[in-house]
Each structure stands twice: as C-alpha cells, then as structure tokens.
PDB file of N, CA and C in Angstrom:
ATOM      1  N   MET A   1       0.838  -1.170   0.000  1.00  0.00           N
ATOM      2  CA  MET A   1       0.000   0.000   0.000  1.00  0.00           C
ATOM      3  C   MET A   1       0.887   1.238   0.000  1.00  0.00           C
ATOM      4  N   GLN A   2       0.493   2.263  -0.709  1.00  0.00           N
ATOM      5  CA  GLN A   2       1.266   3.499  -0.762  1.00  0.00           C
ATOM      6  C   GLN A   2       1.293   4.183   0.596  1.00  0.00           C
ATOM      7  N   SER A   3       2.431   4.763   0.945  1.00  0.00           N
ATOM      8  CA  SER A   3       2.547   5.440   2.231  1.00  0.00           C
ATOM      9  C   SER A   3       1.596   6.632   2.319  1.00  0.00           C
ATOM     10  N   SER A   4       1.332   7.305   1.200  1.00  0.00           N
ATOM     11  CA  SER A   4       0.410   8.440   1.230  1.00  0.00           C
ATOM     12  C   SER A   4      -1.017   7.976   1.538  1.00  0.00           C
ATOM     13  N   LEU A   5      -1.385   6.796   1.062  1.00  0.00           N
ATOM     14  CA  LEU A   5      -2.711   6.258   1.344  1.00  0.00           C
ATOM     15  C   LEU A   5      -2.820   5.841   2.813  1.00  0.00           C
ATOM     16  N   ILE A   6      -1.765   5.302   3.364  1.00  0.00           N
ATOM     17  CA  ILE A   6      -1.746   4.932   4.790  1.00  0.00           C
ATOM     18  C   ILE A   6      -1.986   6.182   5.638  1.00  0.00           C
ATOM     19  N   GLY A   7      -1.352   7.283   5.288  1.00  0.00           N
ATOM     20  CA  GLY A   7      -1.551   8.542   5.998  1.00  0.00           C
ATOM     21  C   GLY A   7      -2.992   9.011   5.911  1.00  0.00           C
ATOM     22  N   LYS A   8      -3.615   8.849   4.756  1.00  0.00           N
ATOM     23  CA  LYS A   8      -5.021   9.245   4.576  1.00  0.00           C
ATOM     24  C   LYS A   8      -5.944   8.364   5.411  1.00  0.00           C
ATOM     25  N   ILE A   9      -5.653   7.086   5.494  1.00  0.00           N
ATOM     26  CA  ILE A   9      -6.458   6.173   6.311  1.00  0.00           C
ATOM     27  C   ILE A   9      -6.346   6.554   7.784  1.00  0.00           C
ATOM     28  N   GLN A  10      -5.137   6.868   8.221  1.00  0.00           N
ATOM     29  CA  GLN A  10      -4.943   7.282   9.616  1.00  0.00           C
ATOM     30  C   GLN A  10      -5.703   8.573   9.920  1.00  0.00           C
ATOM     31  N   LYS A  11      -5.659   9.525   9.001  1.00  0.00           N
ATOM     32  CA  LYS A  11      -6.369  10.787   9.189  1.00  0.00           C
ATOM     33  C   LYS A  11      -7.880  10.540   9.198  1.00  0.00           C
ATOM     34  N   ALA A  12      -8.363   9.681   8.330  1.00  0.00           N
ATOM     35  CA  ALA A  12      -9.792   9.356   8.295  1.00  0.00           C
ATOM     36  C   ALA A  12     -10.241   8.736   9.615  1.00  0.00           C
ATOM     37  N   ASN A  13      -9.420   7.856  10.177  1.00  0.00           N
ATOM     38  CA  ASN A  13      -9.741   7.250  11.479  1.00  0.00           C
ATOM     39  C   ASN A  13      -9.800   8.304  12.576  1.00  0.00           C
ATOM     40  N   MET A  14      -8.881   9.259  12.537  1.00  0.00           N
ATOM     41  CA  MET A  14      -8.890  10.341  13.519  1.00  0.00           C
ATOM     42  C   MET A  14     -10.159  11.185  13.356  1.00  0.00           C
ATOM     43  N   TYR A  15     -10.497  11.551  12.136  1.00  0.00           N
ATOM     44  CA  TYR A  15     -11.698  12.346  11.877  1.00  0.00           C
ATOM     45  C   TYR A  15     -12.960  11.616  12.334  1.00  0.00           C
ATOM     46  N   ALA A  16     -13.012  10.317  12.121  1.00  0.00           N
ATOM     47  CA  ALA A  16     -14.193   9.535  12.497  1.00  0.00           C
ATOM     48  C   ALA A  16     -14.413   9.535  14.009  1.00  0.00           C
ATOM     49  N   ARG A  17     -13.372   9.736  14.781  1.00  0.00           N
ATOM     50  CA  ARG A  17     -13.495   9.811  16.242  1.00  0.00           C
ATOM     51  C   ARG A  17     -13.879  11.209  16.722  1.00  0.00           C
ATOM     52  N   GLU A  18     -13.992  12.146  15.799  1.00  0.00           N
ATOM     53  CA  GLU A  18     -14.317  13.533  16.135  1.00  0.00           C
ATOM     54  C   GLU A  18     -15.519  14.009  15.313  1.00  0.00           C
ATOM     55  N   PRO A  19     -16.717  13.489  15.604  1.00  0.00           N
ATOM     56  CA  PRO A  19     -17.885  13.821  14.777  1.00  0.00           C
ATOM     57  C   PRO A  19     -18.236  15.307  14.781  1.00  0.00           C
ATOM     58  N   GLU A  20     -17.761  16.064  15.778  1.00  0.00           N
ATOM     59  CA  GLU A  20     -18.059  17.487  15.820  1.00  0.00           C
ATOM     60  C   GLU A  20     -17.397  18.252  14.666  1.00  0.00           C
ATOM     61  N   ARG A  21     -16.486  17.608  13.946  1.00  0.00           N
ATOM     62  CA  ARG A  21     -15.874  18.221  12.769  1.00  0.00           C
ATOM     63  C   ARG A  21     -16.862  18.321  11.604  1.00  0.00           C
ATOM     64  N   ILE A  22     -17.910  17.519  11.638  1.00  0.00           N
ATOM     65  CA  ILE A  22     -18.876  17.437  10.553  1.00  0.00           C
ATOM     66  C   ILE A  22     -20.100  18.259  10.928  1.00  0.00           C
ATOM     67  N   ALA A  23     -20.637  18.996   9.965  1.00  0.00           N
ATOM     68  CA  ALA A  23     -21.846  19.779  10.214  1.00  0.00           C
ATOM     69  C   ALA A  23     -22.835  19.556   9.070  1.00  0.00           C
ATOM     70  N   PHE A  24     -23.874  18.784   9.348  1.00  0.00           N
ATOM     71  CA  PHE A  24     -24.915  18.569   8.354  1.00  0.00           C
ATOM     72  C   PHE A  24     -25.695  19.859   8.148  1.00  0.00           C
ATOM     73  N   SER A  25     -25.939  20.224   6.912  1.00  0.00           N
ATOM     74  CA  SER A  25     -26.817  21.348   6.634  1.00  0.00           C
ATOM     75  C   SER A  25     -28.161  20.830   6.138  1.00  0.00           C
ATOM     76  N   GLU A  26     -28.137  19.669   5.505  1.00  0.00           N
ATOM     77  CA  GLU A  26     -29.382  19.018   5.108  1.00  0.00           C
ATOM     78  C   GLU A  26     -29.115  17.555   4.790  1.00  0.00           C
ATOM     79  N   PHE A  27     -30.144  16.741   4.949  1.00  0.00           N
ATOM     80  CA  PHE A  27     -30.064  15.332   4.589  1.00  0.00           C
ATOM     81  C   PHE A  27     -31.468  14.748   4.571  1.00  0.00           C
ATOM     82  N   SER A  28     -31.589  13.599   3.969  1.00  0.00           N
ATOM     83  CA  SER A  28     -32.840  12.843   4.033  1.00  0.00           C
ATOM     84  C   SER A  28     -32.489  11.377   4.134  1.00  0.00           C
ATOM     85  N   THR A  29     -33.365  10.643   4.794  1.00  0.00           N
ATOM     86  CA  THR A  29     -33.108   9.228   5.011  1.00  0.00           C
ATOM     87  C   THR A  29     -34.423   8.484   5.149  1.00  0.00           C
ATOM     88  N   THR A  30     -34.366   7.192   5.061  1.00  0.00           N
ATOM     89  CA  THR A  30     -35.524   6.348   5.335  1.00  0.00           C
ATOM     90  C   THR A  30     -35.280   5.684   6.682  1.00  0.00           C
ATOM     91  N   PHE A  31     -36.231   5.832   7.563  1.00  0.00           N
ATOM     92  CA  PHE A  31     -36.122   5.299   8.919  1.00  0.00           C
ATOM     93  C   PHE A  31     -37.095   4.135   9.033  1.00  0.00           C
ATOM     94  N   ARG A  32     -36.586   2.936   9.337  1.00  0.00           N
ATOM     95  CA  ARG A  32     -37.444   1.757   9.515  1.00  0.00           C
ATOM     96  C   ARG A  32     -37.935   1.726  10.955  1.00  0.00           C
ATOM     97  N   GLY A  33     -39.186   2.096  11.165  1.00  0.00           N
ATOM     98  CA  GLY A  33     -39.777   2.050  12.490  1.00  0.00           C
ATOM     99  C   GLY A  33     -40.323   0.661  12.775  1.00  0.00           C
ATOM    100  N   GLU A  34     -41.041   0.528  13.868  1.00  0.00           N
ATOM    101  CA  GLU A  34     -41.611  -0.769  14.229  1.00  0.00           C
ATOM    102  C   GLU A  34     -42.737  -1.193  13.296  1.00  0.00           C
ATOM    103  N   HIS A  35     -43.490  -0.205  12.783  1.00  0.00           N
ATOM    104  CA  HIS A  35     -44.676  -0.533  11.990  1.00  0.00           C
ATOM    105  C   HIS A  35     -44.532  -0.233  10.508  1.00  0.00           C
ATOM    106  N   ASP A  36     -43.623   0.663  10.158  1.00  0.00           N
ATOM    107  CA  ASP A  36     -43.500   1.084   8.771  1.00  0.00           C
ATOM    108  C   ASP A  36     -42.163   1.792   8.599  1.00  0.00           C
ATOM    109  N   SER A  37     -41.859   2.156   7.376  1.00  0.00           N
ATOM    110  CA  SER A  37     -40.678   2.974   7.085  1.00  0.00           C
ATOM    111  C   SER A  37     -41.139   4.390   6.791  1.00  0.00           C
ATOM    112  N   TYR A  38     -40.331   5.373   7.231  1.00  0.00           N
ATOM    113  CA  TYR A  38     -40.726   6.772   7.099  1.00  0.00           C
ATOM    114  C   TYR A  38     -39.582   7.587   6.509  1.00  0.00           C
ATOM    115  N   ASP A  39     -39.933   8.524   5.649  1.00  0.00           N
ATOM    116  CA  ASP A  39     -38.945   9.462   5.129  1.00  0.00           C
ATOM    117  C   ASP A  39     -38.759  10.547   6.172  1.00  0.00           C
ATOM    118  N   VAL A  40     -37.515  10.750   6.590  1.00  0.00           N
ATOM    119  CA  VAL A  40     -37.177  11.775   7.562  1.00  0.00           C
ATOM    120  C   VAL A  40     -36.133  12.672   6.903  1.00  0.00           C
ATOM    121  N   SER A  41     -36.297  13.982   7.084  1.00  0.00           N
ATOM    122  CA  SER A  41     -35.338  14.898   6.482  1.00  0.00           C
ATOM    123  C   SER A  41     -35.074  16.100   7.379  1.00  0.00           C
ATOM    124  N   PHE A  42     -33.968  16.744   7.108  1.00  0.00           N
ATOM    125  CA  PHE A  42     -33.611  18.006   7.740  1.00  0.00           C
ATOM    126  C   PHE A  42     -33.188  18.930   6.612  1.00  0.00           C
ATOM    127  N   ARG A  43     -33.959  19.981   6.377  1.00  0.00           N
ATOM    128  CA  ARG A  43     -33.694  20.936   5.291  1.00  0.00           C
ATOM    129  C   ARG A  43     -34.066  22.335   5.751  1.00  0.00           C
ATOM    130  N   GLU A  44     -33.256  23.293   5.351  1.00  0.00           N
ATOM    131  CA  GLU A  44     -33.510  24.701   5.659  1.00  0.00           C
ATOM    132  C   GLU A  44     -33.805  24.907   7.147  1.00  0.00           C
ATOM    133  N   GLY A  45     -33.058  24.161   7.989  1.00  0.00           N
ATOM    134  CA  GLY A  45     -33.190  24.313   9.425  1.00  0.00           C
ATOM    135  C   GLY A  45     -34.426  23.687  10.045  1.00  0.00           C
ATOM    136  N   ARG A  46     -35.108  22.831   9.298  1.00  0.00           N
ATOM    137  CA  ARG A  46     -36.346  22.226   9.803  1.00  0.00           C
ATOM    138  C   ARG A  46     -36.335  20.713   9.604  1.00  0.00           C
ATOM    139  N   TRP A  47     -36.887  20.036  10.598  1.00  0.00           N
ATOM    140  CA  TRP A  47     -37.076  18.586  10.529  1.00  0.00           C
ATOM    141  C   TRP A  47     -38.399  18.286   9.849  1.00  0.00           C
ATOM    142  N   SER A  48     -38.474  17.112   9.247  1.00  0.00           N
ATOM    143  CA  SER A  48     -39.720  16.616   8.672  1.00  0.00           C
ATOM    144  C   SER A  48     -39.714  15.100   8.783  1.00  0.00           C
ATOM    145  N   CYS A  49     -40.867  14.530   9.117  1.00  0.00           N
ATOM    146  CA  CYS A  49     -41.007  13.076   9.144  1.00  0.00           C
ATOM    147  C   CYS A  49     -42.382  12.723   8.596  1.00  0.00           C
ATOM    148  N   ALA A  50     -42.441  11.658   7.832  1.00  0.00           N
ATOM    149  CA  ALA A  50     -43.686  11.238   7.202  1.00  0.00           C
ATOM    150  C   ALA A  50     -44.578  10.400   8.117  1.00  0.00           C
ATOM    151  N   CYS A  51     -44.176  10.202   9.382  1.00  0.00           N
ATOM    152  CA  CYS A  51     -45.021   9.417  10.286  1.00  0.00           C
ATOM    153  C   CYS A  51     -46.271  10.217  10.659  1.00  0.00           C
ATOM    154  N   HIS A  52     -47.238   9.550  11.261  1.00  0.00           N
ATOM    155  CA  HIS A  52     -48.507  10.204  11.605  1.00  0.00           C
ATOM    156  C   HIS A  52     -48.388  11.143  12.798  1.00  0.00           C
ATOM    157  N   PHE A  53     -47.431  10.940  13.668  1.00  0.00           N
ATOM    158  CA  PHE A  53     -47.294  11.736  14.884  1.00  0.00           C
ATOM    159  C   PHE A  53     -46.645  13.101  14.625  1.00  0.00           C
ATOM    160  N   PHE A  54     -45.692  13.149  13.717  1.00  0.00           N
ATOM    161  CA  PHE A  54     -44.910  14.363  13.506  1.00  0.00           C
ATOM    162  C   PHE A  54     -45.733  15.592  13.120  1.00  0.00           C
ATOM    163  N   PRO A  55     -46.666  15.515  12.175  1.00  0.00           N
ATOM    164  CA  PRO A  55     -47.377  16.739  11.756  1.00  0.00           C
ATOM    165  C   PRO A  55     -48.120  17.459  12.887  1.00  0.00           C
ATOM    166  N   THR A  56     -48.619  16.735  13.852  1.00  0.00           N
ATOM    167  CA  THR A  56     -49.358  17.384  14.928  1.00  0.00           C
ATOM    168  C   THR A  56     -48.459  17.819  16.079  1.00  0.00           C
ATOM    169  N   SER A  57     -47.285  17.214  16.212  1.00  0.00           N
ATOM    170  CA  SER A  57     -46.411  17.496  17.347  1.00  0.00           C
ATOM    171  C   SER A  57     -45.128  18.228  16.985  1.00  0.00           C
ATOM    172  N   GLY A  58     -44.708  18.122  15.747  1.00  0.00           N
ATOM    173  CA  GLY A  58     -43.440  18.725  15.341  1.00  0.00           C
ATOM    174  C   GLY A  58     -42.227  17.977  15.845  1.00  0.00           C
ATOM    175  N   ILE A  59     -42.445  16.793  16.380  1.00  0.00           N
ATOM    176  CA  ILE A  59     -41.382  15.926  16.900  1.00  0.00           C
ATOM    177  C   ILE A  59     -41.909  14.497  16.841  1.00  0.00           C
ATOM    178  N   CYS A  60     -41.019  13.543  16.801  1.00  0.00           N
ATOM    179  CA  CYS A  60     -41.421  12.134  16.826  1.00  0.00           C
ATOM    180  C   CYS A  60     -40.216  11.294  17.235  1.00  0.00           C
ATOM    181  N   SER A  61     -40.458  10.037  17.488  1.00  0.00           N
ATOM    182  CA  SER A  61     -39.374   9.153  17.921  1.00  0.00           C
ATOM    183  C   SER A  61     -38.309   8.983  16.846  1.00  0.00           C
ATOM    184  N   HIS A  62     -38.689   9.073  15.577  1.00  0.00           N
ATOM    185  CA  HIS A  62     -37.733   8.892  14.483  1.00  0.00           C
ATOM    186  C   HIS A  62     -36.756  10.069  14.440  1.00  0.00           C
ATOM    187  N   VAL A  63     -37.276  11.286  14.555  1.00  0.00           N
ATOM    188  CA  VAL A  63     -36.428  12.475  14.571  1.00  0.00           C
ATOM    189  C   VAL A  63     -35.557  12.476  15.826  1.00  0.00           C
ATOM    190  N   MET A  64     -36.145  12.143  16.972  1.00  0.00           N
ATOM    191  CA  MET A  64     -35.364  12.125  18.210  1.00  0.00           C
ATOM    192  C   MET A  64     -34.237  11.095  18.147  1.00  0.00           C
ATOM    193  N   ALA A  65     -34.501   9.942  17.566  1.00  0.00           N
ATOM    194  CA  ALA A  65     -33.458   8.917  17.440  1.00  0.00           C
ATOM    195  C   ALA A  65     -32.326   9.413  16.548  1.00  0.00           C
ATOM    196  N   LEU A  66     -32.668  10.050  15.439  1.00  0.00           N
ATOM    197  CA  LEU A  66     -31.630  10.591  14.564  1.00  0.00           C
ATOM    198  C   LEU A  66     -30.838  11.687  15.254  1.00  0.00           C
ATOM    199  N   GLN A  67     -31.525  12.514  16.018  1.00  0.00           N
ATOM    200  CA  GLN A  67     -30.826  13.574  16.738  1.00  0.00           C
ATOM    201  C   GLN A  67     -29.818  12.986  17.715  1.00  0.00           C
ATOM    202  N   LYS A  68     -30.194  11.936  18.410  1.00  0.00           N
ATOM    203  CA  LYS A  68     -29.273  11.281  19.334  1.00  0.00           C
ATOM    204  C   LYS A  68     -28.111  10.635  18.579  1.00  0.00           C
ATOM    205  N   LEU A  69     -28.402  10.068  17.439  1.00  0.00           N
ATOM    206  CA  LEU A  69     -27.395   9.357  16.664  1.00  0.00           C
ATOM    207  C   LEU A  69     -26.362  10.293  16.048  1.00  0.00           C
ATOM    208  N   ILE A  70     -26.811  11.390  15.474  1.00  0.00           N
ATOM    209  CA  ILE A  70     -25.902  12.292  14.766  1.00  0.00           C
ATOM    210  C   ILE A  70     -25.839  13.674  15.417  1.00  0.00           C
ATOM    211  N   GLY A  71     -26.302  13.788  16.651  1.00  0.00           N
ATOM    212  CA  GLY A  71     -26.377  15.066  17.347  1.00  0.00           C
ATOM    213  C   GLY A  71     -25.165  15.964  17.227  1.00  0.00           C
ATOM    214  N   PRO A  72     -23.945  15.458  17.457  1.00  0.00           N
ATOM    215  CA  PRO A  72     -22.778  16.342  17.382  1.00  0.00           C
ATOM    216  C   PRO A  72     -22.566  16.930  15.993  1.00  0.00           C
ATOM    217  N   MET A  73     -23.184  16.331  14.982  1.00  0.00           N
ATOM    218  CA  MET A  73     -23.003  16.799  13.608  1.00  0.00           C
ATOM    219  C   MET A  73     -24.139  17.708  13.146  1.00  0.00           C
ATOM    220  N   LEU A  74     -25.068  18.035  14.042  1.00  0.00           N
ATOM    221  CA  LEU A  74     -26.194  18.892  13.694  1.00  0.00           C
ATOM    222  C   LEU A  74     -25.965  20.310  14.190  1.00  0.00           C
ATOM    223  N   PRO A  75     -26.499  21.293  13.470  1.00  0.00           N
ATOM    224  CA  PRO A  75     -26.440  22.649  14.014  1.00  0.00           C
ATOM    225  C   PRO A  75     -27.247  22.711  15.314  1.00  0.00           C
ATOM    226  N   MET A  76     -26.898  23.619  16.203  1.00  0.00           N
ATOM    227  CA  MET A  76     -27.549  23.696  17.512  1.00  0.00           C
ATOM    228  C   MET A  76     -29.071  23.799  17.405  1.00  0.00           C
ATOM    229  N   GLU A  77     -29.569  24.541  16.441  1.00  0.00           N
ATOM    230  CA  GLU A  77     -31.024  24.707  16.325  1.00  0.00           C
ATOM    231  C   GLU A  77     -31.746  23.423  15.906  1.00  0.00           C
ATOM    232  N   ALA A  78     -31.016  22.421  15.456  1.00  0.00           N
ATOM    233  CA  ALA A  78     -31.616  21.156  15.047  1.00  0.00           C
ATOM    234  C   ALA A  78     -31.640  20.137  16.174  1.00  0.00           C
ATOM    235  N   ARG A  79     -31.059  20.488  17.321  1.00  0.00           N
ATOM    236  CA  ARG A  79     -30.985  19.576  18.455  1.00  0.00           C
ATOM    237  C   ARG A  79     -32.129  19.870  19.409  1.00  0.00           C
ATOM    238  N   TYR A  80     -32.832  18.819  19.807  1.00  0.00           N
ATOM    239  CA  TYR A  80     -33.943  18.983  20.730  1.00  0.00           C
ATOM    240  C   TYR A  80     -33.486  18.974  22.176  1.00  0.00           C
ATOM    241  N   TRP A  81     -32.301  18.486  22.449  1.00  0.00           N
ATOM    242  CA  TRP A  81     -31.709  18.504  23.777  1.00  0.00           C
ATOM    243  C   TRP A  81     -30.206  18.493  23.580  1.00  0.00           C
ATOM    244  N   PRO A  82     -29.456  18.960  24.557  1.00  0.00           N
ATOM    245  CA  PRO A  82     -27.991  18.975  24.405  1.00  0.00           C
ATOM    246  C   PRO A  82     -27.452  17.575  24.139  1.00  0.00           C
ATOM    247  N   VAL A  83     -26.458  17.487  23.303  1.00  0.00           N
ATOM    248  CA  VAL A  83     -25.882  16.202  22.904  1.00  0.00           C
ATOM    249  C   VAL A  83     -25.350  15.434  24.097  1.00  0.00           C
ATOM    250  N   SER A  84     -24.754  16.112  25.060  1.00  0.00           N
ATOM    251  CA  SER A  84     -24.141  15.412  26.176  1.00  0.00           C
ATOM    252  C   SER A  84     -25.145  15.026  27.267  1.00  0.00           C
ATOM    253  N   SER A  85     -26.375  15.527  27.188  1.00  0.00           N
ATOM    254  CA  SER A  85     -27.370  15.237  28.218  1.00  0.00           C
ATOM    255  C   SER A  85     -28.263  14.078  27.811  1.00  0.00           C
ATOM    256  N   PRO A  86     -28.713  13.294  28.765  1.00  0.00           N
ATOM    257  CA  PRO A  86     -29.647  12.205  28.445  1.00  0.00           C
ATOM    258  C   PRO A  86     -31.016  12.776  28.082  1.00  0.00           C
ATOM    259  N   VAL A  87     -31.787  11.980  27.380  1.00  0.00           N
ATOM    260  CA  VAL A  87     -33.145  12.362  27.032  1.00  0.00           C
ATOM    261  C   VAL A  87     -33.979  12.370  28.303  1.00  0.00           C
ATOM    262  N   PRO A  88     -34.774  13.436  28.541  1.00  0.00           N
ATOM    263  CA  PRO A  88     -35.590  13.473  29.756  1.00  0.00           C
ATOM    264  C   PRO A  88     -36.458  12.219  29.892  1.00  0.00           C
ATOM    265  N   GLY A  89     -36.485  11.659  31.095  1.00  0.00           N
ATOM    266  CA  GLY A  89     -37.320  10.489  31.370  1.00  0.00           C
ATOM    267  C   GLY A  89     -36.718   9.161  30.981  1.00  0.00           C
ATOM    268  N   THR A  90     -35.457   9.155  30.534  1.00  0.00           N
ATOM    269  CA  THR A  90     -34.863   7.885  30.106  1.00  0.00           C
ATOM    270  C   THR A  90     -33.769   7.408  31.039  1.00  0.00           C
ATOM    271  N   ASN A  91     -33.429   8.189  32.037  1.00  0.00           N
ATOM    272  CA  ASN A  91     -32.329   7.854  32.958  1.00  0.00           C
ATOM    273  C   ASN A  91     -31.029   7.639  32.217  1.00  0.00           C
ATOM    274  N   GLY A  92     -30.891   8.352  31.065  1.00  0.00           N
ATOM    275  CA  GLY A  92     -29.641   8.271  30.304  1.00  0.00           C
ATOM    276  C   GLY A  92     -29.517   7.055  29.432  1.00  0.00           C
ATOM    277  N   HIS A  93     -30.568   6.225  29.324  1.00  0.00           N
ATOM    278  CA  HIS A  93     -30.480   5.005  28.503  1.00  0.00           C
ATOM    279  C   HIS A  93     -31.435   5.094  27.345  1.00  0.00           C
TER     280      HIS A  93
END
C-alpha cells in the first residue's frame, strides 16, 4: 500500500473519532420504524417526518433517534436537547 494512502487512512480514522468536525446542513433518510418505514429529512433548518405523529407534534421518535445518533453533527437549532445530556425520562439510557 502506498505510504500516502496509509496517511489518509490514519487521518480518516482520527476524523471519524471527532464527529463534531462534521456539520450537516441538510439530509434525508428512510427510517425503519416498528410498523412502517418513514422518510425523515432536515432541510432549511427544519425537521420533517412522514409518520402520523410528527405533523401534529413537530417531533417524533424517528427524529429524536436521529438527533441522538448524529447530534454532534447537527447545528444547535436542530438539536432537541444537548448532545451530552440524556433524554428526559430515560435515565440516560
């Protein structure tokens, strides 16, 4: 393997351990819930989910799960709770 490629792999591993280096501005994904799959997106500073709960509440378990998963990579206004804090009512689990 080329030494320059080894250096790139090492740098990639370092970057992967520092998710705060990444800042999503928009994305869309399919989230497989317990009952169905839902399109979830973050665009122009707003969340959207195709589940039945989101339109009336502006939040849902699918969006909250994504926020927990990629929280350090989201702009502050896209986070429903601080990344380092547990979700209220979950005892940190």
